[in-house]
């Protein structure tokens, strides 16, 4: 599993303890991905 360059990610929810995991929506679709903070830390984002 991975993300394609240029995909739009929207943060939906942070976990309660240590804000882990993070739920993100991909490209305004019904796809919701849950990532640990360590995994999310290697994704480069540009705010729009």
PDB file of N, CA and C in Angstrom:
ATOM      1  N   UNK A   1       0.848  -1.159   0.000  1.00  0.00           N
ATOM      2  CA  UNK A   1       0.000   0.000   0.000  1.00  0.00           C
ATOM      3  C   UNK A   1       0.896   1.225   0.000  1.00  0.00           C
ATOM      4  N   UNK A   2       0.448   2.240  -0.677  1.00  0.00           N
ATOM      5  CA  UNK A   2       1.215   3.472  -0.704  1.00  0.00           C
ATOM      6  C   UNK A   2       0.356   4.618  -1.206  1.00  0.00           C
ATOM      7  N   UNK A   3       0.949   5.776  -1.279  1.00  0.00           N
ATOM      8  CA  UNK A   3       0.263   6.959  -1.769  1.00  0.00           C
ATOM      9  C   UNK A   3       0.909   7.391  -3.069  1.00  0.00           C
ATOM     10  N   UNK A   4       0.094   7.867  -3.993  1.00  0.00           N
ATOM     11  CA  UNK A   4       0.597   8.368  -5.261  1.00  0.00           C
ATOM     12  C   UNK A   4       0.924   9.844  -5.092  1.00  0.00           C
ATOM     13  N   UNK A   5       2.025  10.260  -5.706  1.00  0.00           N
ATOM     14  CA  UNK A   5       2.408  11.663  -5.658  1.00  0.00           C
ATOM     15  C   UNK A   5       1.268  12.521  -6.187  1.00  0.00           C
ATOM     16  N   UNK A   6       0.929  13.557  -5.457  1.00  0.00           N
ATOM     17  CA  UNK A   6      -0.147  14.462  -5.846  1.00  0.00           C
ATOM     18  C   UNK A   6      -1.490  14.117  -5.225  1.00  0.00           C
ATOM     19  N   UNK A   7      -1.561  13.008  -4.476  1.00  0.00           N
ATOM     20  CA  UNK A   7      -2.818  12.635  -3.823  1.00  0.00           C
ATOM     21  C   UNK A   7      -3.163  13.660  -2.747  1.00  0.00           C
ATOM     22  N   UNK A   8      -4.442  13.957  -2.624  1.00  0.00           N
ATOM     23  CA  UNK A   8      -4.907  14.898  -1.610  1.00  0.00           C
ATOM     24  C   UNK A   8      -5.269  14.107  -0.358  1.00  0.00           C
ATOM     25  N   UNK A   9      -4.670  14.452   0.765  1.00  0.00           N
ATOM     26  CA  UNK A   9      -4.943  13.794   2.040  1.00  0.00           C
ATOM     27  C   UNK A   9      -5.629  14.771   2.978  1.00  0.00           C
ATOM     28  N   UNK A  10      -6.659  14.288   3.663  1.00  0.00           N
ATOM     29  CA  UNK A  10      -7.362  15.087   4.652  1.00  0.00           C
ATOM     30  C   UNK A  10      -7.317  14.349   5.985  1.00  0.00           C
ATOM     31  N   UNK A  11      -6.792  14.989   7.023  1.00  0.00           N
ATOM     32  CA  UNK A  11      -6.748  14.369   8.349  1.00  0.00           C
ATOM     33  C   UNK A  11      -8.143  14.400   8.946  1.00  0.00           C
ATOM     34  N   UNK A  12      -8.645  13.224   9.321  1.00  0.00           N
ATOM     35  CA  UNK A  12      -9.993  13.120   9.872  1.00  0.00           C
ATOM     36  C   UNK A  12     -10.014  13.009  11.382  1.00  0.00           C
ATOM     37  N   UNK A  13      -9.030  12.300  11.935  1.00  0.00           N
ATOM     38  CA  UNK A  13      -9.089  11.993  13.362  1.00  0.00           C
ATOM     39  C   UNK A  13      -7.711  11.635  13.888  1.00  0.00           C
ATOM     40  N   UNK A  14      -7.441  12.040  15.128  1.00  0.00           N
ATOM     41  CA  UNK A  14      -6.236  11.630  15.850  1.00  0.00           C
ATOM     42  C   UNK A  14      -6.663  10.707  16.986  1.00  0.00           C
ATOM     43  N   UNK A  15      -5.864   9.712  17.294  1.00  0.00           N
ATOM     44  CA  UNK A  15      -6.154   8.814  18.404  1.00  0.00           C
ATOM     45  C   UNK A  15      -6.084   9.542  19.742  1.00  0.00           C
ATOM     46  N   UNK A  16      -6.629   8.920  20.772  1.00  0.00           N
ATOM     47  CA  UNK A  16      -6.699   9.556  22.088  1.00  0.00           C
ATOM     48  C   UNK A  16      -5.363   9.592  22.813  1.00  0.00           C
ATOM     49  N   UNK A  17      -4.643   8.489  22.819  1.00  0.00           N
ATOM     50  CA  UNK A  17      -3.394   8.405  23.578  1.00  0.00           C
ATOM     51  C   UNK A  17      -2.222   8.674  22.660  1.00  0.00           C
ATOM     52  N   UNK A  18      -1.528   9.772  22.897  1.00  0.00           N
ATOM     53  CA  UNK A  18      -0.377  10.125  22.085  1.00  0.00           C
ATOM     54  C   UNK A  18      -0.730  10.515  20.665  1.00  0.00           C
ATOM     55  N   UNK A  19      -2.021  10.796  20.431  1.00  0.00           N
ATOM     56  CA  UNK A  19      -2.508  11.193  19.096  1.00  0.00           C
ATOM     57  C   UNK A  19      -2.146  10.155  18.038  1.00  0.00           C
ATOM     58  N   UNK A  20      -2.209   8.892  18.413  1.00  0.00           N
ATOM     59  CA  UNK A  20      -1.815   7.802  17.536  1.00  0.00           C
ATOM     60  C   UNK A  20      -2.909   6.747  17.550  1.00  0.00           C
ATOM     61  N   UNK A  21      -3.411   6.243  16.480  1.00  0.00           N
ATOM     62  CA  UNK A  21      -3.072   6.495  15.077  1.00  0.00           C
ATOM     63  C   UNK A  21      -3.802   7.716  14.509  1.00  0.00           C
ATOM     64  N   UNK A  22      -3.473   8.046  13.273  1.00  0.00           N
ATOM     65  CA  UNK A  22      -4.071   9.165  12.558  1.00  0.00           C
ATOM     66  C   UNK A  22      -4.916   8.582  11.423  1.00  0.00           C
ATOM     67  N   UNK A  23      -6.153   9.029  11.294  1.00  0.00           N
ATOM     68  CA  UNK A  23      -7.014   8.594  10.189  1.00  0.00           C
ATOM     69  C   UNK A  23      -7.014   9.675   9.119  1.00  0.00           C
ATOM     70  N   UNK A  24      -6.719   9.293   7.873  1.00  0.00           N
ATOM     71  CA  UNK A  24      -6.703  10.246   6.759  1.00  0.00           C
ATOM     72  C   UNK A  24      -7.585   9.747   5.629  1.00  0.00           C
ATOM     73  N   UNK A  25      -8.209  10.689   4.938  1.00  0.00           N
ATOM     74  CA  UNK A  25      -9.012  10.378   3.748  1.00  0.00           C
ATOM     75  C   UNK A  25      -8.145  10.683   2.528  1.00  0.00           C
ATOM     76  N   UNK A  26      -8.236   9.836   1.513  1.00  0.00           N
ATOM     77  CA  UNK A  26      -7.421   9.981   0.306  1.00  0.00           C
ATOM     78  C   UNK A  26      -8.287  10.466  -0.855  1.00  0.00           C
ATOM     79  N   UNK A  27      -7.899  11.579  -1.462  1.00  0.00           N
ATOM     80  CA  UNK A  27      -8.543  12.120  -2.665  1.00  0.00           C
ATOM     81  C   UNK A  27     -10.056  12.282  -2.555  1.00  0.00           C
ATOM     82  N   UNK A  28     -10.558  12.741  -1.438  1.00  0.00           N
ATOM     83  CA  UNK A  28     -11.999  12.986  -1.247  1.00  0.00           C
ATOM     84  C   UNK A  28     -12.870  11.769  -1.570  1.00  0.00           C
ATOM     85  N   UNK A  29     -12.311  10.576  -1.467  1.00  0.00           N
ATOM     86  CA  UNK A  29     -13.086   9.360  -1.747  1.00  0.00           C
ATOM     87  C   UNK A  29     -13.565   8.746  -0.432  1.00  0.00           C
ATOM     88  N   UNK A  30     -14.090   7.560  -0.515  1.00  0.00           N
ATOM     89  CA  UNK A  30     -14.525   6.874   0.705  1.00  0.00           C
ATOM     90  C   UNK A  30     -13.373   6.095   1.340  1.00  0.00           C
ATOM     91  N   UNK A  31     -12.184   6.166   0.747  1.00  0.00           N
ATOM     92  CA  UNK A  31     -11.021   5.453   1.290  1.00  0.00           C
ATOM     93  C   UNK A  31     -10.458   6.191   2.500  1.00  0.00           C
ATOM     94  N   UNK A  32     -10.433   5.508   3.629  1.00  0.00           N
ATOM     95  CA  UNK A  32      -9.860   6.073   4.846  1.00  0.00           C
ATOM     96  C   UNK A  32      -8.725   5.160   5.290  1.00  0.00           C
ATOM     97  N   UNK A  33      -7.562   5.742   5.512  1.00  0.00           N
ATOM     98  CA  UNK A  33      -6.369   4.997   5.893  1.00  0.00           C
ATOM     99  C   UNK A  33      -5.978   5.401   7.303  1.00  0.00           C
ATOM    100  N   UNK A  34      -5.569   4.435   8.097  1.00  0.00           N
ATOM    101  CA  UNK A  34      -5.094   4.706   9.450  1.00  0.00           C
ATOM    102  C   UNK A  34      -3.586   4.488   9.480  1.00  0.00           C
ATOM    103  N   UNK A  35      -2.861   5.497   9.958  1.00  0.00           N
ATOM    104  CA  UNK A  35      -1.403   5.446  10.004  1.00  0.00           C
ATOM    105  C   UNK A  35      -0.905   5.749  11.410  1.00  0.00           C
ATOM    106  N   UNK A  36       0.133   5.079  11.801  1.00  0.00           N
ATOM    107  CA  UNK A  36       0.816   5.444  13.036  1.00  0.00           C
ATOM    108  C   UNK A  36       1.617   6.712  12.773  1.00  0.00           C
ATOM    109  N   UNK A  37       1.903   7.465  13.819  1.00  0.00           N
ATOM    110  CA  UNK A  37       2.649   8.721  13.662  1.00  0.00           C
ATOM    111  C   UNK A  37       4.014   8.483  13.034  1.00  0.00           C
ATOM    112  N   UNK A  38       4.657   7.368  13.368  1.00  0.00           N
ATOM    113  CA  UNK A  38       5.961   7.047  12.790  1.00  0.00           C
ATOM    114  C   UNK A  38       5.848   6.877  11.275  1.00  0.00           C
ATOM    115  N   UNK A  39       4.833   6.175  10.812  1.00  0.00           N
ATOM    116  CA  UNK A  39       4.614   6.000   9.369  1.00  0.00           C
ATOM    117  C   UNK A  39       4.273   7.328   8.703  1.00  0.00           C
ATOM    118  N   UNK A  40       3.425   8.122   9.349  1.00  0.00           N
ATOM    119  CA  UNK A  40       3.003   9.402   8.784  1.00  0.00           C
ATOM    120  C   UNK A  40       4.162  10.400   8.725  1.00  0.00           C
ATOM    121  N   UNK A  41       5.145  10.240   9.577  1.00  0.00           N
ATOM    122  CA  UNK A  41       6.259  11.197   9.625  1.00  0.00           C
ATOM    123  C   UNK A  41       7.130  11.166   8.374  1.00  0.00           C
ATOM    124  N   UNK A  42       7.035  10.124   7.557  1.00  0.00           N
ATOM    125  CA  UNK A  42       7.858  10.053   6.354  1.00  0.00           C
ATOM    126  C   UNK A  42       7.106  10.479   5.094  1.00  0.00           C
ATOM    127  N   UNK A  43       5.880  10.980   5.269  1.00  0.00           N
ATOM    128  CA  UNK A  43       5.102  11.492   4.136  1.00  0.00           C
ATOM    129  C   UNK A  43       5.313  12.999   4.055  1.00  0.00           C
ATOM    130  N   UNK A  44       5.769  13.466   2.913  1.00  0.00           N
ATOM    131  CA  UNK A  44       5.983  14.893   2.703  1.00  0.00           C
ATOM    132  C   UNK A  44       4.692  15.488   2.169  1.00  0.00           C
ATOM    133  N   UNK A  45       4.232  16.567   2.798  1.00  0.00           N
ATOM    134  CA  UNK A  45       2.977  17.195   2.382  1.00  0.00           C
ATOM    135  C   UNK A  45       3.185  18.675   2.087  1.00  0.00           C
ATOM    136  N   UNK A  46       2.305  19.181   1.253  1.00  0.00           N
ATOM    137  CA  UNK A  46       2.264  20.606   0.952  1.00  0.00           C
ATOM    138  C   UNK A  46       0.857  21.070   1.284  1.00  0.00           C
ATOM    139  N   UNK A  47       0.734  22.081   2.130  1.00  0.00           N
ATOM    140  CA  UNK A  47      -0.585  22.578   2.490  1.00  0.00           C
ATOM    141  C   UNK A  47      -1.131  23.442   1.368  1.00  0.00           C
ATOM    142  N   UNK A  48      -2.417  23.260   1.133  1.00  0.00           N
ATOM    143  CA  UNK A  48      -3.068  24.014   0.046  1.00  0.00           C
ATOM    144  C   UNK A  48      -4.071  24.958   0.643  1.00  0.00           C
TER     145      UNK A  48
END
